[in-house]
Amino acid sequence: MIELNVCIGSSCHVKGSYNVIQTLQQLIEENGLHDKLEMKAQFCMRNCQHGVSVSIGDEIFSVSPETAEEFFRDVVLKLIK
């Protein structure tokens, strides 16, 4: 199972972490990936300069509410398939 962590620290919250989480949850459900992907909230990942921090394994990505679908399609789905 792939673990996807989304930062909910104050900086990421201001940058839209709630909307990123909502989008990713919707995409996980639409693609039927509950058994392959686990999403968790996490406090500060120390990557506050950019968008909302999202980690998969040791890699941290900067995602915004506007790029969440693209991130899911281009990064997450490729890891699962």
N, C-alpha and C. Protein backbone atom coordinates (compact mmCIF):
# COMPACT_ATOMS: atom_id res chain seq x y z
N MET A 1 0.84 -1.17 0.00
CA MET A 1 0.00 0.00 0.00
C MET A 1 0.89 1.24 0.00
N ILE A 2 0.52 2.20 -0.79
CA ILE A 2 1.25 3.46 -0.89
C ILE A 2 0.68 4.43 0.13
N GLU A 3 1.56 5.08 0.88
CA GLU A 3 1.15 6.07 1.87
C GLU A 3 1.38 7.46 1.33
N LEU A 4 0.33 8.24 1.32
CA LEU A 4 0.35 9.61 0.82
C LEU A 4 0.09 10.52 2.01
N ASN A 5 1.04 11.38 2.36
CA ASN A 5 0.90 12.29 3.50
C ASN A 5 0.72 13.72 3.00
N VAL A 6 -0.29 14.39 3.53
CA VAL A 6 -0.56 15.78 3.16
C VAL A 6 -0.35 16.64 4.39
N CYS A 7 0.46 17.67 4.25
CA CYS A 7 0.74 18.57 5.36
C CYS A 7 -0.49 19.41 5.69
N ILE A 8 -0.77 19.50 7.00
CA ILE A 8 -1.86 20.35 7.47
C ILE A 8 -1.35 21.40 8.46
N GLY A 9 -0.04 21.65 8.42
CA GLY A 9 0.54 22.69 9.25
C GLY A 9 -0.01 24.05 8.84
N SER A 10 0.25 25.06 9.65
CA SER A 10 -0.37 26.37 9.42
C SER A 10 -0.05 26.97 8.06
N SER A 11 1.18 26.88 7.59
CA SER A 11 1.54 27.44 6.29
C SER A 11 0.81 26.71 5.15
N CYS A 12 0.79 25.39 5.22
CA CYS A 12 0.11 24.62 4.17
C CYS A 12 -1.40 24.79 4.26
N HIS A 13 -1.90 24.96 5.48
CA HIS A 13 -3.34 25.20 5.64
C HIS A 13 -3.74 26.47 4.90
N VAL A 14 -2.95 27.53 5.08
CA VAL A 14 -3.22 28.80 4.41
C VAL A 14 -3.13 28.65 2.89
N LYS A 15 -2.27 27.76 2.42
CA LYS A 15 -2.08 27.56 0.98
C LYS A 15 -3.10 26.60 0.37
N GLY A 16 -4.02 26.08 1.19
CA GLY A 16 -5.12 25.28 0.64
C GLY A 16 -5.04 23.78 0.89
N SER A 17 -4.40 23.35 1.96
CA SER A 17 -4.27 21.91 2.20
C SER A 17 -5.63 21.22 2.31
N TYR A 18 -6.62 21.89 2.89
CA TYR A 18 -7.95 21.29 3.00
C TYR A 18 -8.51 20.97 1.62
N ASN A 19 -8.36 21.89 0.68
CA ASN A 19 -8.86 21.66 -0.68
C ASN A 19 -8.07 20.57 -1.40
N VAL A 20 -6.77 20.51 -1.16
CA VAL A 20 -5.94 19.45 -1.75
C VAL A 20 -6.41 18.10 -1.22
N ILE A 21 -6.64 18.01 0.09
CA ILE A 21 -7.12 16.76 0.69
C ILE A 21 -8.46 16.36 0.09
N GLN A 22 -9.38 17.30 -0.01
CA GLN A 22 -10.70 17.01 -0.57
C GLN A 22 -10.59 16.49 -2.00
N THR A 23 -9.77 17.12 -2.80
CA THR A 23 -9.59 16.69 -4.19
C THR A 23 -8.99 15.30 -4.26
N LEU A 24 -7.93 15.06 -3.48
CA LEU A 24 -7.29 13.75 -3.51
C LEU A 24 -8.23 12.65 -3.01
N GLN A 25 -9.01 12.94 -1.96
CA GLN A 25 -9.98 11.95 -1.47
C GLN A 25 -11.00 11.61 -2.54
N GLN A 26 -11.47 12.62 -3.24
CA GLN A 26 -12.45 12.40 -4.31
C GLN A 26 -11.85 11.55 -5.43
N LEU A 27 -10.61 11.83 -5.81
CA LEU A 27 -9.96 11.08 -6.88
C LEU A 27 -9.66 9.64 -6.46
N ILE A 28 -9.30 9.44 -5.21
CA ILE A 28 -9.07 8.09 -4.70
C ILE A 28 -10.37 7.29 -4.80
N GLU A 29 -11.47 7.92 -4.40
CA GLU A 29 -12.77 7.25 -4.45
C GLU A 29 -13.20 6.97 -5.89
N GLU A 30 -13.08 7.97 -6.75
CA GLU A 30 -13.48 7.81 -8.15
C GLU A 30 -12.70 6.70 -8.86
N ASN A 31 -11.45 6.52 -8.46
CA ASN A 31 -10.60 5.51 -9.10
C ASN A 31 -10.57 4.19 -8.34
N GLY A 32 -11.35 4.08 -7.27
CA GLY A 32 -11.42 2.85 -6.50
C GLY A 32 -10.09 2.38 -5.94
N LEU A 33 -9.33 3.31 -5.35
CA LEU A 33 -7.97 3.00 -4.91
C LEU A 33 -7.82 2.90 -3.40
N HIS A 34 -8.92 2.73 -2.67
CA HIS A 34 -8.85 2.64 -1.21
C HIS A 34 -7.96 1.50 -0.74
N ASP A 35 -7.87 0.43 -1.49
CA ASP A 35 -7.08 -0.72 -1.07
C ASP A 35 -5.61 -0.60 -1.49
N LYS A 36 -5.26 0.43 -2.28
CA LYS A 36 -3.89 0.59 -2.76
C LYS A 36 -3.22 1.86 -2.24
N LEU A 37 -4.01 2.76 -1.73
CA LEU A 37 -3.49 4.08 -1.35
C LEU A 37 -4.09 4.50 -0.02
N GLU A 38 -3.22 4.90 0.90
CA GLU A 38 -3.68 5.39 2.20
C GLU A 38 -3.23 6.84 2.34
N MET A 39 -4.19 7.73 2.57
CA MET A 39 -3.86 9.14 2.72
C MET A 39 -3.94 9.51 4.19
N LYS A 40 -2.93 10.24 4.65
CA LYS A 40 -2.86 10.69 6.05
C LYS A 40 -2.53 12.17 6.10
N ALA A 41 -2.97 12.81 7.17
CA ALA A 41 -2.60 14.19 7.42
C ALA A 41 -1.33 14.18 8.27
N GLN A 42 -0.48 15.16 8.04
CA GLN A 42 0.78 15.25 8.78
C GLN A 42 1.09 16.72 9.02
N PHE A 43 1.67 17.00 10.18
CA PHE A 43 2.07 18.38 10.44
C PHE A 43 3.40 18.68 9.74
N CYS A 44 3.88 19.84 9.86
CA CYS A 44 4.95 20.44 9.07
C CYS A 44 6.01 19.46 8.54
N MET A 45 6.23 19.56 7.23
CA MET A 45 7.25 18.75 6.55
C MET A 45 8.49 19.59 6.24
N ARG A 46 8.50 20.82 6.71
CA ARG A 46 9.63 21.73 6.53
C ARG A 46 9.90 22.06 5.05
N ASN A 47 8.83 22.19 4.30
CA ASN A 47 8.93 22.54 2.88
C ASN A 47 7.93 23.66 2.60
N CYS A 48 7.94 24.67 3.48
CA CYS A 48 6.90 25.70 3.48
C CYS A 48 7.03 26.76 2.39
N GLN A 49 8.13 26.78 1.68
CA GLN A 49 8.35 27.83 0.70
C GLN A 49 7.43 27.72 -0.51
N HIS A 50 6.93 26.54 -0.77
CA HIS A 50 6.17 26.31 -2.00
C HIS A 50 4.70 26.09 -1.66
N GLY A 51 4.03 25.24 -2.39
CA GLY A 51 2.62 24.94 -2.15
C GLY A 51 2.44 24.01 -0.97
N VAL A 52 1.33 23.32 -0.96
CA VAL A 52 1.03 22.35 0.09
C VAL A 52 1.98 21.16 -0.08
N SER A 53 2.63 20.77 1.00
CA SER A 53 3.58 19.65 0.94
C SER A 53 2.83 18.33 0.97
N VAL A 54 3.15 17.47 0.02
CA VAL A 54 2.58 16.13 -0.06
C VAL A 54 3.76 15.18 -0.23
N SER A 55 3.83 14.16 0.63
CA SER A 55 4.93 13.22 0.51
C SER A 55 4.44 11.83 0.16
N ILE A 56 5.26 11.17 -0.62
CA ILE A 56 5.09 9.76 -0.94
C ILE A 56 6.46 9.14 -0.70
N GLY A 57 6.54 8.30 0.31
CA GLY A 57 7.85 7.77 0.70
C GLY A 57 8.72 8.91 1.17
N ASP A 58 9.94 8.98 0.66
CA ASP A 58 10.88 10.03 1.06
C ASP A 58 10.81 11.27 0.17
N GLU A 59 9.95 11.25 -0.83
CA GLU A 59 9.88 12.36 -1.77
C GLU A 59 8.75 13.32 -1.39
N ILE A 60 9.06 14.62 -1.40
CA ILE A 60 8.08 15.64 -1.06
C ILE A 60 7.76 16.45 -2.31
N PHE A 61 6.48 16.63 -2.55
CA PHE A 61 5.99 17.39 -3.71
C PHE A 61 5.27 18.62 -3.20
N SER A 62 5.26 19.68 -4.00
CA SER A 62 4.49 20.88 -3.69
C SER A 62 3.26 20.88 -4.59
N VAL A 63 2.10 20.88 -3.96
CA VAL A 63 0.84 20.76 -4.68
C VAL A 63 -0.05 21.93 -4.26
N SER A 64 -0.81 22.44 -5.19
CA SER A 64 -1.78 23.48 -4.86
C SER A 64 -3.17 22.92 -5.16
N PRO A 65 -4.22 23.57 -4.68
CA PRO A 65 -5.55 23.11 -5.03
C PRO A 65 -5.76 23.04 -6.55
N GLU A 66 -5.11 23.93 -7.27
CA GLU A 66 -5.25 23.97 -8.73
C GLU A 66 -4.48 22.85 -9.43
N THR A 67 -3.44 22.33 -8.80
CA THR A 67 -2.62 21.29 -9.44
C THR A 67 -2.83 19.90 -8.84
N ALA A 68 -3.77 19.77 -7.90
CA ALA A 68 -3.98 18.48 -7.22
C ALA A 68 -4.38 17.37 -8.18
N GLU A 69 -5.27 17.66 -9.13
CA GLU A 69 -5.68 16.63 -10.08
C GLU A 69 -4.51 16.21 -10.98
N GLU A 70 -3.75 17.17 -11.43
CA GLU A 70 -2.58 16.87 -12.27
C GLU A 70 -1.56 16.04 -11.49
N PHE A 71 -1.31 16.39 -10.24
CA PHE A 71 -0.41 15.63 -9.38
C PHE A 71 -0.90 14.19 -9.24
N PHE A 72 -2.18 14.02 -9.00
CA PHE A 72 -2.74 12.68 -8.85
C PHE A 72 -2.54 11.86 -10.13
N ARG A 73 -2.84 12.46 -11.25
CA ARG A 73 -2.73 11.78 -12.55
C ARG A 73 -1.27 11.48 -12.91
N ASP A 74 -0.41 12.47 -12.75
CA ASP A 74 0.97 12.34 -13.23
C ASP A 74 1.92 11.64 -12.26
N VAL A 75 1.61 11.68 -10.97
CA VAL A 75 2.51 11.08 -9.98
C VAL A 75 1.88 9.86 -9.30
N VAL A 76 0.74 10.05 -8.69
CA VAL A 76 0.14 8.99 -7.88
C VAL A 76 -0.28 7.80 -8.73
N LEU A 77 -1.04 8.06 -9.79
CA LEU A 77 -1.50 6.92 -10.63
C LEU A 77 -0.34 6.15 -11.25
N LYS A 78 0.72 6.83 -11.60
CA LYS A 78 1.88 6.13 -12.19
C LYS A 78 2.57 5.24 -11.17
N LEU A 79 2.53 5.59 -9.90
CA LEU A 79 3.13 4.75 -8.86
C LEU A 79 2.29 3.50 -8.60
N ILE A 80 1.00 3.61 -8.79
CA ILE A 80 0.10 2.51 -8.50
C ILE A 80 0.06 1.50 -9.63
N LYS A 81 0.17 1.96 -10.86
CA LYS A 81 0.02 1.08 -12.01
C LYS A 81 1.30 0.45 -12.44
